[in-house]
Amino acid sequence: IVATMISSRAMSPRYALIMTAIAEFSGPFLFGVAVATTIGSEVVDPTAISSAVIIAALLSAILWNLLTWYFGWPSSTSHALIGGLIGAVAVAEGFETINLAGLEKVLLALFISPILGLVLGFLVLKLIYFLARGASPGINTLFKRAQLGTSLALALSHGTNDAQKTMGIMAMAMVTTGYTSEFHVPLWVIALSASAIALGTVSGGWRLIETLGGKFYKIRPVHAFGSQLTSAAIILGAALLGGPVSTTQVVSSSIMGAGSADRVSKVRWTVARDIAFAWLLTIPTTALVAGGLYLLVDLVL
């Protein structure tokens, strides 16, 4: 979320992280919890969920996130959670407990969104170049200042979409343990999940910031503005429709789309290839790990 505004020098790292964390905390309260409902009640049969399934799915996603963070790969937490749920439920109750219609909705959102990011990132930057034709180099100052609005919108959309995935899992766990009789996301769950994502942001994922902010190409203020605008529109639109998307994927592909608007050879596609490889591995790997973890957790519980 903060990589482009920091690398384009629109804002200092400290203020970028603080502003983003506040916006991410606010997002779920402003735009509802449609994504949480999708994750928590539409992917697998609620009757197949047990405490062991949830613990195995979360552990698998956490391990994968830590591994990809260590290597600086911008992987998808959304993919990791979905893969973990599928793997744990399949081992626990069989593949027939997976809701194919709900899974299709989730996978479509996850896999179409980065393509949209690439295409729209390219088109948005071309449009910006057209509108700014003949402008002096001083327009870079405008693009730096405009990032305050686009980065704020991106942070709000991230909090709205990504925090809700945790809410869905927590609400699912409350139904499983009998804490509630039906799927519902209470206010305290929203506040707790929003706080967690805000605290995670403030801590700073510097390995990922380095990858997104500089390894694709040298990002200028116009690229940062265009990619932020594109990412915010896609992520917030998906959140309002209940589609869980990967913020990392959308931001990465938008950055690549914006860079290729200058020239395709500008983007270091080898870095993009490595990231795409990690994305493709996420669901099968976390599903396999969660299946194995379920067997261990079930023995303990």
C-alpha atoms as a PDB file:
ATOM      1  CA  ILE A   1       0.000   0.000   0.000  1.00  0.00           C
ATOM      2  CA  VAL A   2       2.772   2.459   0.886  1.00  0.00           C
ATOM      3  CA  ALA A   3       5.470   1.249  -1.529  1.00  0.00           C
ATOM      4  CA  THR A   4       4.743   3.640  -4.412  1.00  0.00           C
ATOM      5  CA  MET A   5       4.200   6.760  -2.312  1.00  0.00           C
ATOM      6  CA  ILE A   6       7.465   6.135  -0.452  1.00  0.00           C
ATOM      7  CA  SER A   7       9.531   5.271  -3.549  1.00  0.00           C
ATOM      8  CA  SER A   8       8.211   8.312  -5.449  1.00  0.00           C
ATOM      9  CA  ARG A   9       9.068  10.483  -2.417  1.00  0.00           C
ATOM     10  CA  ALA A  10       5.518  11.771  -2.093  1.00  0.00           C
ATOM     11  CA  MET A  11       5.585  11.099   1.644  1.00  0.00           C
ATOM     12  CA  SER A  12       8.100  10.024   4.268  1.00  0.00           C
ATOM     13  CA  PRO A  13       7.921   6.342   5.327  1.00  0.00           C
ATOM     14  CA  ARG A  14       6.842   7.209   8.866  1.00  0.00           C
ATOM     15  CA  TYR A  15       3.892   9.426   7.886  1.00  0.00           C
ATOM     16  CA  ALA A  16       2.916   7.099   5.039  1.00  0.00           C
ATOM     17  CA  LEU A  17       2.621   4.147   7.431  1.00  0.00           C
ATOM     18  CA  ILE A  18       0.723   6.100  10.101  1.00  0.00           C
ATOM     19  CA  MET A  19      -1.773   7.567   7.624  1.00  0.00           C
ATOM     20  CA  THR A  20      -2.276   4.184   5.966  1.00  0.00           C
ATOM     21  CA  ALA A  21      -2.828   2.403   9.281  1.00  0.00           C
ATOM     22  CA  ILE A  22      -5.517   4.895  10.346  1.00  0.00           C
ATOM     23  CA  ALA A  23      -7.278   4.585   6.980  1.00  0.00           C
ATOM     24  CA  GLU A  24      -7.098   0.771   7.043  1.00  0.00           C
ATOM     25  CA  PHE A  25      -8.666   0.718  10.503  1.00  0.00           C
ATOM     26  CA  SER A  26     -11.502   2.961   9.285  1.00  0.00           C
ATOM     27  CA  GLY A  27     -12.248   1.073   6.043  1.00  0.00           C
ATOM     28  CA  PRO A  28     -14.407  -1.799   7.374  1.00  0.00           C
ATOM     29  CA  PHE A  29     -16.565   0.587   9.412  1.00  0.00           C
ATOM     30  CA  LEU A  30     -17.260   2.736   6.343  1.00  0.00           C
ATOM     31  CA  PHE A  31     -17.924   0.155   3.632  1.00  0.00           C
ATOM     32  CA  GLY A  32     -19.536  -2.889   5.278  1.00  0.00           C
ATOM     33  CA  VAL A  33     -18.579  -6.550   5.596  1.00  0.00           C
ATOM     34  CA  ALA A  34     -19.668  -8.208   2.326  1.00  0.00           C
ATOM     35  CA  VAL A  35     -16.300  -9.917   1.866  1.00  0.00           C
ATOM     36  CA  ALA A  36     -16.427 -11.409   5.383  1.00  0.00           C
ATOM     37  CA  THR A  37     -19.766 -13.021   4.522  1.00  0.00           C
ATOM     38  CA  THR A  38     -18.293 -14.536   1.348  1.00  0.00           C
ATOM     39  CA  ILE A  39     -15.264 -15.982   3.148  1.00  0.00           C
ATOM     40  CA  GLY A  40     -17.145 -17.165   6.216  1.00  0.00           C
ATOM     41  CA  SER A  41     -20.280 -18.701   4.737  1.00  0.00           C
ATOM     42  CA  GLU A  42     -20.027 -19.246   0.974  1.00  0.00           C
ATOM     43  CA  VAL A  43     -16.805 -21.215   0.332  1.00  0.00           C
ATOM     44  CA  VAL A  44     -17.326 -24.364   2.396  1.00  0.00           C
ATOM     45  CA  ASP A  45     -20.304 -26.016   4.060  1.00  0.00           C
ATOM     46  CA  PRO A  46     -20.570 -24.390   7.525  1.00  0.00           C
ATOM     47  CA  THR A  47     -21.416 -27.783   9.070  1.00  0.00           C
ATOM     48  CA  ALA A  48     -17.997 -29.090   7.959  1.00  0.00           C
ATOM     49  CA  ILE A  49     -16.145 -26.433   9.950  1.00  0.00           C
ATOM     50  CA  SER A  50     -14.553 -27.392  13.257  1.00  0.00           C
ATOM     51  CA  SER A  51     -12.041 -25.725  15.529  1.00  0.00           C
ATOM     52  CA  ALA A  52      -9.331 -28.034  14.171  1.00  0.00           C
ATOM     53  CA  VAL A  53     -10.174 -27.006  10.576  1.00  0.00           C
ATOM     54  CA  ILE A  54      -9.977 -23.302  11.391  1.00  0.00           C
ATOM     55  CA  ILE A  55      -6.720 -23.612  13.344  1.00  0.00           C
ATOM     56  CA  ALA A  56      -5.103 -25.684  10.568  1.00  0.00           C
ATOM     57  CA  ALA A  57      -6.216 -23.238   7.861  1.00  0.00           C
ATOM     58  CA  LEU A  58      -4.927 -20.208   9.799  1.00  0.00           C
ATOM     59  CA  LEU A  59      -1.608 -21.848  10.690  1.00  0.00           C
ATOM     60  CA  SER A  60      -1.040 -22.787   7.056  1.00  0.00           C
ATOM     61  CA  ALA A  61      -1.769 -19.231   5.874  1.00  0.00           C
ATOM     62  CA  ILE A  62       0.441 -17.713   8.599  1.00  0.00           C
ATOM     63  CA  LEU A  63       3.387 -19.983   7.755  1.00  0.00           C
ATOM     64  CA  TRP A  64       3.108 -19.173   4.048  1.00  0.00           C
ATOM     65  CA  ASN A  65       2.852 -15.421   4.737  1.00  0.00           C
ATOM     66  CA  LEU A  66       5.940 -15.516   6.945  1.00  0.00           C
ATOM     67  CA  LEU A  67       7.884 -17.468   4.322  1.00  0.00           C
ATOM     68  CA  THR A  68       6.986 -15.111   1.462  1.00  0.00           C
ATOM     69  CA  TRP A  69       7.598 -12.044   3.662  1.00  0.00           C
ATOM     70  CA  TYR A  70      11.090 -13.353   4.486  1.00  0.00           C
ATOM     71  CA  PHE A  71      11.973 -13.683   0.798  1.00  0.00           C
ATOM     72  CA  GLY A  72      10.251 -10.409  -0.128  1.00  0.00           C
ATOM     73  CA  TRP A  73       7.644 -12.059  -2.389  1.00  0.00           C
ATOM     74  CA  PRO A  74       4.370 -10.081  -2.498  1.00  0.00           C
ATOM     75  CA  SER A  75       2.105 -13.118  -2.085  1.00  0.00           C
ATOM     76  CA  SER A  76      -1.634 -13.230  -1.493  1.00  0.00           C
ATOM     77  CA  THR A  77      -3.043 -13.667   2.012  1.00  0.00           C
ATOM     78  CA  SER A  78      -6.423 -14.211   0.362  1.00  0.00           C
ATOM     79  CA  HIS A  79      -5.095 -17.141  -1.656  1.00  0.00           C
ATOM     80  CA  ALA A  80      -3.394 -18.537   1.446  1.00  0.00           C
ATOM     81  CA  LEU A  81      -6.584 -18.417   3.506  1.00  0.00           C
ATOM     82  CA  ILE A  82      -8.714 -19.977   0.778  1.00  0.00           C
ATOM     83  CA  GLY A  83      -6.128 -22.687   0.139  1.00  0.00           C
ATOM     84  CA  GLY A  84      -5.877 -23.408   3.851  1.00  0.00           C
ATOM     85  CA  LEU A  85      -9.644 -23.702   4.245  1.00  0.00           C
ATOM     86  CA  ILE A  86     -10.011 -25.986   1.227  1.00  0.00           C
ATOM     87  CA  GLY A  87      -7.167 -28.274   2.308  1.00  0.00           C
ATOM     88  CA  ALA A  88      -8.275 -28.594   5.925  1.00  0.00           C
ATOM     89  CA  VAL A  89     -11.970 -29.147   5.079  1.00  0.00           C
ATOM     90  CA  ALA A  90     -11.163 -31.655   2.316  1.00  0.00           C
ATOM     91  CA  VAL A  91      -9.114 -33.791   4.706  1.00  0.00           C
ATOM     92  CA  ALA A  92     -11.628 -33.410   7.535  1.00  0.00           C
ATOM     93  CA  GLU A  93     -14.927 -33.969   5.722  1.00  0.00           C
ATOM     94  CA  GLY A  94     -14.193 -34.637   2.041  1.00  0.00           C
ATOM     95  CA  PHE A  95     -14.283 -32.538  -1.122  1.00  0.00           C
ATOM     96  CA  GLU A  96     -18.089 -32.668  -1.319  1.00  0.00           C
ATOM     97  CA  THR A  97     -18.289 -30.156   1.548  1.00  0.00           C
ATOM     98  CA  ILE A  98     -16.666 -27.463  -0.622  1.00  0.00           C
ATOM     99  CA  ASN A  99     -19.247 -25.078  -2.102  1.00  0.00           C
ATOM    100  CA  LEU A 100     -18.225 -24.949  -5.765  1.00  0.00           C
ATOM    101  CA  ALA A 101     -20.419 -21.920  -6.584  1.00  0.00           C
ATOM    102  CA  GLY A 102     -18.931 -19.899  -3.723  1.00  0.00           C
ATOM    103  CA  LEU A 103     -15.411 -21.092  -4.535  1.00  0.00           C
ATOM    104  CA  GLU A 104     -15.885 -20.085  -8.172  1.00  0.00           C
ATOM    105  CA  LYS A 105     -16.929 -16.576  -7.086  1.00  0.00           C
ATOM    106  CA  VAL A 106     -13.836 -16.254  -4.909  1.00  0.00           C
ATOM    107  CA  LEU A 107     -11.403 -17.624  -7.506  1.00  0.00           C
ATOM    108  CA  LEU A 108     -12.843 -15.425 -10.259  1.00  0.00           C
ATOM    109  CA  ALA A 109     -12.323 -12.328  -8.100  1.00  0.00           C
ATOM    110  CA  LEU A 110      -8.807 -13.413  -7.145  1.00  0.00           C
ATOM    111  CA  PHE A 111      -7.607 -14.258 -10.645  1.00  0.00           C
ATOM    112  CA  ILE A 112      -9.390 -11.581 -12.710  1.00  0.00           C
ATOM    113  CA  SER A 113      -8.415  -8.650 -10.461  1.00  0.00           C
ATOM    114  CA  PRO A 114      -4.656  -8.688 -11.252  1.00  0.00           C
ATOM    115  CA  ILE A 115      -5.422  -8.814 -14.988  1.00  0.00           C
ATOM    116  CA  LEU A 116      -7.682  -5.795 -14.524  1.00  0.00           C
ATOM    117  CA  GLY A 117      -4.887  -4.097 -12.588  1.00  0.00           C
ATOM    118  CA  LEU A 118      -2.408  -4.631 -15.426  1.00  0.00           C
ATOM    119  CA  VAL A 119      -4.781  -3.464 -18.179  1.00  0.00           C
ATOM    120  CA  LEU A 120      -6.290  -0.516 -16.303  1.00  0.00           C
ATOM    121  CA  GLY A 121      -2.905   0.557 -14.953  1.00  0.00           C
ATOM    122  CA  PHE A 122      -1.681   0.794 -18.556  1.00  0.00           C
ATOM    123  CA  LEU A 123      -4.807   2.632 -19.777  1.00  0.00           C
ATOM    124  CA  VAL A 124      -4.969   5.041 -16.837  1.00  0.00           C
ATOM    125  CA  LEU A 125      -1.365   6.121 -17.320  1.00  0.00           C
ATOM    126  CA  LYS A 126      -1.870   6.562 -21.064  1.00  0.00           C
ATOM    127  CA  LEU A 127      -4.883   8.760 -20.262  1.00  0.00           C
ATOM    128  CA  ILE A 128      -2.859  10.787 -17.751  1.00  0.00           C
ATOM    129  CA  TYR A 129      -0.104  11.315 -20.336  1.00  0.00           C
ATOM    130  CA  PHE A 130      -2.701  12.454 -22.866  1.00  0.00           C
ATOM    131  CA  LEU A 131      -4.318  14.927 -20.451  1.00  0.00           C
ATOM    132  CA  ALA A 132      -0.931  16.221 -19.265  1.00  0.00           C
ATOM    133  CA  ARG A 133       0.610  16.562 -22.736  1.00  0.00           C
ATOM    134  CA  GLY A 134       2.642  19.745 -23.047  1.00  0.00           C
ATOM    135  CA  ALA A 135       2.899  20.190 -19.278  1.00  0.00           C
ATOM    136  CA  SER A 136       6.162  21.349 -17.697  1.00  0.00           C
ATOM    137  CA  PRO A 137       8.231  19.098 -15.375  1.00  0.00           C
ATOM    138  CA  GLY A 138       6.600  20.980 -12.506  1.00  0.00           C
ATOM    139  CA  ILE A 139       3.559  18.741 -12.911  1.00  0.00           C
ATOM    140  CA  ASN A 140       5.462  16.136 -10.896  1.00  0.00           C
ATOM    141  CA  THR A 141       4.719  18.263  -7.832  1.00  0.00           C
ATOM    142  CA  LEU A 142       1.001  17.943  -8.609  1.00  0.00           C
ATOM    143  CA  PHE A 143       1.294  14.170  -8.907  1.00  0.00           C
ATOM    144  CA  LYS A 144       3.119  14.006  -5.578  1.00  0.00           C
ATOM    145  CA  ARG A 145       0.434  16.033  -3.803  1.00  0.00           C
ATOM    146  CA  ALA A 146      -2.400  14.155  -5.511  1.00  0.00           C
ATOM    147  CA  GLN A 147      -1.054  10.921  -4.023  1.00  0.00           C
ATOM    148  CA  LEU A 148      -2.363  12.026  -0.641  1.00  0.00           C
ATOM    149  CA  GLY A 149      -5.881  11.384  -1.974  1.00  0.00           C
ATOM    150  CA  THR A 150      -5.161   8.258  -4.036  1.00  0.00           C
ATOM    151  CA  SER A 151      -3.052   6.593  -1.334  1.00  0.00           C
ATOM    152  CA  LEU A 152      -5.744   7.362   1.238  1.00  0.00           C
ATOM    153  CA  ALA A 153      -8.358   5.753  -1.028  1.00  0.00           C
ATOM    154  CA  LEU A 154      -6.092   2.742  -1.552  1.00  0.00           C
ATOM    155  CA  ALA A 155      -5.563   2.311   2.196  1.00  0.00           C
ATOM    156  CA  LEU A 156      -9.304   2.529   2.857  1.00  0.00           C
ATOM    157  CA  SER A 157      -9.967  -0.080   0.181  1.00  0.00           C
ATOM    158  CA  HIS A 158      -7.261  -2.354   1.598  1.00  0.00           C
ATOM    159  CA  GLY A 159      -8.699  -2.191   5.106  1.00  0.00           C
ATOM    160  CA  THR A 160     -12.176  -2.786   3.714  1.00  0.00           C
ATOM    161  CA  ASN A 161     -11.225  -5.865   1.693  1.00  0.00           C
ATOM    162  CA  ASP A 162      -8.359  -7.524   3.559  1.00  0.00           C
ATOM    163  CA  ALA A 163      -9.473  -7.050   7.165  1.00  0.00           C
ATOM    164  CA  GLN A 164     -12.787  -8.666   6.293  1.00  0.00           C
ATOM    165  CA  LYS A 165     -11.126 -11.991   5.510  1.00  0.00           C
ATOM    166  CA  THR A 166     -10.081 -12.261   9.139  1.00  0.00           C
ATOM    167  CA  MET A 167     -13.577 -11.227  10.230  1.00  0.00           C
ATOM    168  CA  GLY A 168     -15.081 -14.019   8.156  1.00  0.00           C
ATOM    169  CA  ILE A 169     -12.834 -16.618   9.795  1.00  0.00           C
ATOM    170  CA  MET A 170     -13.565 -15.293  13.306  1.00  0.00           C
ATOM    171  CA  ALA A 171     -17.324 -15.220  12.704  1.00  0.00           C
ATOM    172  CA  MET A 172     -17.090 -18.746  11.328  1.00  0.00           C
ATOM    173  CA  ALA A 173     -15.252 -19.854  14.480  1.00  0.00           C
ATOM    174  CA  MET A 174     -17.986 -18.366  16.694  1.00  0.00           C
ATOM    175  CA  VAL A 175     -20.644 -20.414  14.914  1.00  0.00           C
ATOM    176  CA  THR A 176     -18.492 -23.562  15.153  1.00  0.00           C
ATOM    177  CA  THR A 177     -17.945 -23.209  18.898  1.00  0.00           C
ATOM    178  CA  GLY A 178     -21.598 -22.374  19.572  1.00  0.00           C
ATOM    179  CA  TYR A 179     -20.845 -18.776  20.592  1.00  0.00           C
ATOM    180  CA  THR A 180     -23.483 -17.666  18.077  1.00  0.00           C
ATOM    181  CA  SER A 181     -26.248 -19.642  16.395  1.00  0.00           C
ATOM    182  CA  GLU A 182     -25.894 -18.082  12.929  1.00  0.00           C
ATOM    183  CA  PHE A 183     -23.212 -16.378  10.857  1.00  0.00           C
ATOM    184  CA  HIS A 184     -22.907 -12.739  11.912  1.00  0.00           C
ATOM    185  CA  VAL A 185     -19.998 -10.301  12.205  1.00  0.00           C
ATOM    186  CA  PRO A 186     -20.332  -8.357  15.484  1.00  0.00           C
ATOM    187  CA  LEU A 187     -18.832  -4.917  16.000  1.00  0.00           C
ATOM    188  CA  TRP A 188     -16.066  -6.128  18.304  1.00  0.00           C
ATOM    189  CA  VAL A 189     -14.830  -8.567  15.626  1.00  0.00           C
ATOM    190  CA  ILE A 190     -14.722  -5.721  13.097  1.00  0.00           C
ATOM    191  CA  ALA A 191     -12.765  -3.547  15.543  1.00  0.00           C
ATOM    192  CA  LEU A 192     -10.325  -6.336  16.456  1.00  0.00           C
ATOM    193  CA  SER A 193      -9.613  -7.301  12.831  1.00  0.00           C
ATOM    194  CA  ALA A 194      -9.240  -3.665  11.744  1.00  0.00           C
ATOM    195  CA  SER A 195      -6.842  -3.041  14.638  1.00  0.00           C
ATOM    196  CA  ALA A 196      -4.719  -6.045  13.672  1.00  0.00           C
ATOM    197  CA  ILE A 197      -4.288  -4.962  10.057  1.00  0.00           C
ATOM    198  CA  ALA A 198      -3.515  -1.395  11.156  1.00  0.00           C
ATOM    199  CA  LEU A 199      -0.849  -2.597  13.615  1.00  0.00           C
ATOM    200  CA  GLY A 200       0.643  -4.841  10.942  1.00  0.00           C
ATOM    201  CA  THR A 201       0.910  -1.879   8.598  1.00  0.00           C
ATOM    202  CA  VAL A 202       2.582   0.366  11.168  1.00  0.00           C
ATOM    203  CA  SER A 203       5.239  -2.313  11.742  1.00  0.00           C
ATOM    204  CA  GLY A 204       6.302  -1.886   8.103  1.00  0.00           C
ATOM    205  CA  GLY A 205       6.890  -4.733   5.633  1.00  0.00           C
ATOM    206  CA  TRP A 206      10.133  -3.310   4.334  1.00  0.00           C
ATOM    207  CA  ARG A 207      11.100  -6.334   2.228  1.00  0.00           C
ATOM    208  CA  LEU A 208       7.830  -6.079   0.302  1.00  0.00           C
ATOM    209  CA  ILE A 209       8.087  -2.287   0.058  1.00  0.00           C
ATOM    210  CA  GLU A 210      11.524  -2.690  -1.523  1.00  0.00           C
ATOM    211  CA  THR A 211      10.206  -5.218  -4.072  1.00  0.00           C
ATOM    212  CA  LEU A 212       7.133  -3.232  -5.113  1.00  0.00           C
ATOM    213  CA  GLY A 213       8.757   0.179  -4.839  1.00  0.00           C
ATOM    214  CA  GLY A 214      11.911  -0.404  -6.830  1.00  0.00           C
ATOM    215  CA  LYS A 215      12.505  -3.839  -8.296  1.00  0.00           C
ATOM    216  CA  PHE A 216      10.017  -3.554 -11.182  1.00  0.00           C
ATOM    217  CA  TYR A 217      11.425  -0.206 -12.395  1.00  0.00           C
ATOM    218  CA  LYS A 218      12.242   3.283 -11.067  1.00  0.00           C
ATOM    219  CA  ILE A 219       8.845   4.637 -10.032  1.00  0.00           C
ATOM    220  CA  ARG A 220       8.159   8.329 -10.681  1.00  0.00           C
ATOM    221  CA  PRO A 221       5.271  10.331  -9.153  1.00  0.00           C
ATOM    222  CA  VAL A 222       3.070   9.837 -12.241  1.00  0.00           C
ATOM    223  CA  HIS A 223       3.435   6.028 -12.023  1.00  0.00           C
ATOM    224  CA  ALA A 224       2.650   6.067  -8.308  1.00  0.00           C
ATOM    225  CA  PHE A 225      -0.438   8.225  -8.811  1.00  0.00           C
ATOM    226  CA  GLY A 226      -1.734   6.113 -11.707  1.00  0.00           C
ATOM    227  CA  SER A 227      -1.168   2.762 -10.008  1.00  0.00           C
ATOM    228  CA  GLN A 228      -2.728   3.944  -6.729  1.00  0.00           C
ATOM    229  CA  LEU A 229      -5.811   5.255  -8.524  1.00  0.00           C
ATOM    230  CA  THR A 230      -6.215   1.986 -10.436  1.00  0.00           C
ATOM    231  CA  SER A 231      -5.660  -0.237  -7.399  1.00  0.00           C
ATOM    232  CA  ALA A 232      -8.070   1.685  -5.167  1.00  0.00           C
ATOM    233  CA  ALA A 233     -10.873   1.494  -7.741  1.00  0.00           C
ATOM    234  CA  ILE A 234     -10.493  -2.267  -8.279  1.00  0.00           C
ATOM    235  CA  ILE A 235     -10.093  -3.244  -4.618  1.00  0.00           C
ATOM    236  CA  LEU A 236     -12.921  -1.068  -3.297  1.00  0.00           C
ATOM    237  CA  GLY A 237     -15.245  -2.138  -6.112  1.00  0.00           C
ATOM    238  CA  ALA A 238     -14.567  -5.803  -5.335  1.00  0.00           C
ATOM    239  CA  ALA A 239     -15.123  -5.236  -1.599  1.00  0.00           C
ATOM    240  CA  LEU A 240     -18.533  -3.649  -2.175  1.00  0.00           C
ATOM    241  CA  LEU A 241     -19.520  -6.621  -4.376  1.00  0.00           C
ATOM    242  CA  GLY A 242     -18.297  -9.147  -1.787  1.00  0.00           C
ATOM    243  CA  GLY A 243     -15.361 -10.346  -3.885  1.00  0.00           C
ATOM    244  CA  PRO A 244     -12.171 -11.044  -1.901  1.00  0.00           C
ATOM    245  CA  VAL A 245      -9.198  -9.878  -3.964  1.00  0.00           C
ATOM    246  CA  SER A 246      -5.500  -9.850  -3.230  1.00  0.00           C
ATOM    247  CA  THR A 247      -4.381  -6.286  -2.588  1.00  0.00           C
ATOM    248  CA  THR A 248      -0.778  -7.320  -3.218  1.00  0.00           C
ATOM    249  CA  GLN A 249      -1.642  -8.788  -6.606  1.00  0.00           C
ATOM    250  CA  VAL A 250      -3.698  -5.799  -7.682  1.00  0.00           C
ATOM    251  CA  VAL A 251      -1.090  -3.247  -6.585  1.00  0.00           C
ATOM    252  CA  SER A 252       1.751  -5.236  -8.199  1.00  0.00           C
ATOM    253  CA  SER A 253      -0.066  -5.630 -11.516  1.00  0.00           C
ATOM    254  CA  SER A 254      -1.143  -1.952 -11.505  1.00  0.00           C
ATOM    255  CA  ILE A 255       2.476  -0.903 -11.011  1.00  0.00           C
ATOM    256  CA  MET A 256       3.526  -3.124 -13.931  1.00  0.00           C
ATOM    257  CA  GLY A 257       0.688  -1.776 -16.095  1.00  0.00           C
ATOM    258  CA  ALA A 258       1.671   1.806 -15.343  1.00  0.00           C
ATOM    259  CA  GLY A 259       5.326   1.124 -16.153  1.00  0.00           C
ATOM    260  CA  SER A 260       4.553  -0.649 -19.425  1.00  0.00           C
ATOM    261  CA  ALA A 261       2.613   2.449 -20.537  1.00  0.00           C
ATOM    262  CA  ASP A 262       6.033   4.092 -20.961  1.00  0.00           C
ATOM    263  CA  ARG A 263       7.466   1.064 -22.722  1.00  0.00           C
ATOM    264  CA  VAL A 264       7.061  -2.661 -22.158  1.00  0.00           C
ATOM    265  CA  SER A 265      10.819  -3.188 -21.761  1.00  0.00           C
ATOM    266  CA  LYS A 266      10.835  -0.695 -18.851  1.00  0.00           C
ATOM    267  CA  VAL A 267       9.391  -3.334 -16.493  1.00  0.00           C
ATOM    268  CA  ARG A 268      11.685  -6.037 -15.123  1.00  0.00           C
ATOM    269  CA  TRP A 269       9.439  -8.932 -16.127  1.00  0.00           C
ATOM    270  CA  THR A 270      11.755 -11.479 -14.490  1.00  0.00           C
ATOM    271  CA  VAL A 271      10.718 -10.067 -11.092  1.00  0.00           C
ATOM    272  CA  ALA A 272       7.076 -10.254 -12.185  1.00  0.00           C
ATOM    273  CA  ARG A 273       7.622 -13.872 -13.242  1.00  0.00           C
ATOM    274  CA  ASP A 274       9.009 -14.809  -9.813  1.00  0.00           C
ATOM    275  CA  ILE A 275       6.034 -13.160  -8.091  1.00  0.00           C
ATOM    276  CA  ALA A 276       3.544 -14.874 -10.433  1.00  0.00           C
ATOM    277  CA  PHE A 277       5.196 -18.205  -9.640  1.00  0.00           C
ATOM    278  CA  ALA A 278       4.684 -17.567  -5.909  1.00  0.00           C
ATOM    279  CA  TRP A 279       1.042 -16.643  -6.562  1.00  0.00           C
ATOM    280  CA  LEU A 280       0.406 -19.879  -8.472  1.00  0.00           C
ATOM    281  CA  LEU A 281       1.995 -21.927  -5.705  1.00  0.00           C
ATOM    282  CA  THR A 282       0.011 -20.317  -2.891  1.00  0.00           C
ATOM    283  CA  ILE A 283      -3.325 -22.171  -3.043  1.00  0.00           C
ATOM    284  CA  PRO A 284      -1.993 -25.703  -3.681  1.00  0.00           C
ATOM    285  CA  THR A 285       0.825 -25.300  -1.151  1.00  0.00           C
ATOM    286  CA  THR A 286      -1.338 -23.913   1.655  1.00  0.00           C
ATOM    287  CA  ALA A 287      -4.020 -26.540   0.917  1.00  0.00           C
ATOM    288  CA  LEU A 288      -1.501 -29.371   1.271  1.00  0.00           C
ATOM    289  CA  VAL A 289       0.067 -27.876   4.399  1.00  0.00           C
ATOM    290  CA  ALA A 290      -3.358 -27.241   5.985  1.00  0.00           C
ATOM    291  CA  GLY A 291      -4.411 -30.824   5.258  1.00  0.00           C
ATOM    292  CA  GLY A 292      -1.350 -32.141   7.068  1.00  0.00           C
ATOM    293  CA  LEU A 293      -1.726 -29.666   9.924  1.00  0.00           C
ATOM    294  CA  TYR A 294      -5.368 -30.679  10.362  1.00  0.00           C
ATOM    295  CA  LEU A 295      -4.347 -34.262  11.091  1.00  0.00           C
ATOM    296  CA  LEU A 296      -1.908 -33.030  13.749  1.00  0.00           C
ATOM    297  CA  VAL A 297      -4.288 -30.507  15.306  1.00  0.00           C
ATOM    298  CA  ASP A 298      -7.149 -33.007  15.349  1.00  0.00           C
ATOM    299  CA  LEU A 299      -4.981 -35.437  17.317  1.00  0.00           C
ATOM    300  CA  VAL A 300      -4.168 -32.738  19.898  1.00  0.00           C
ATOM    301  CA  LEU A 301      -7.765 -31.487  20.244  1.00  0.00           C
END
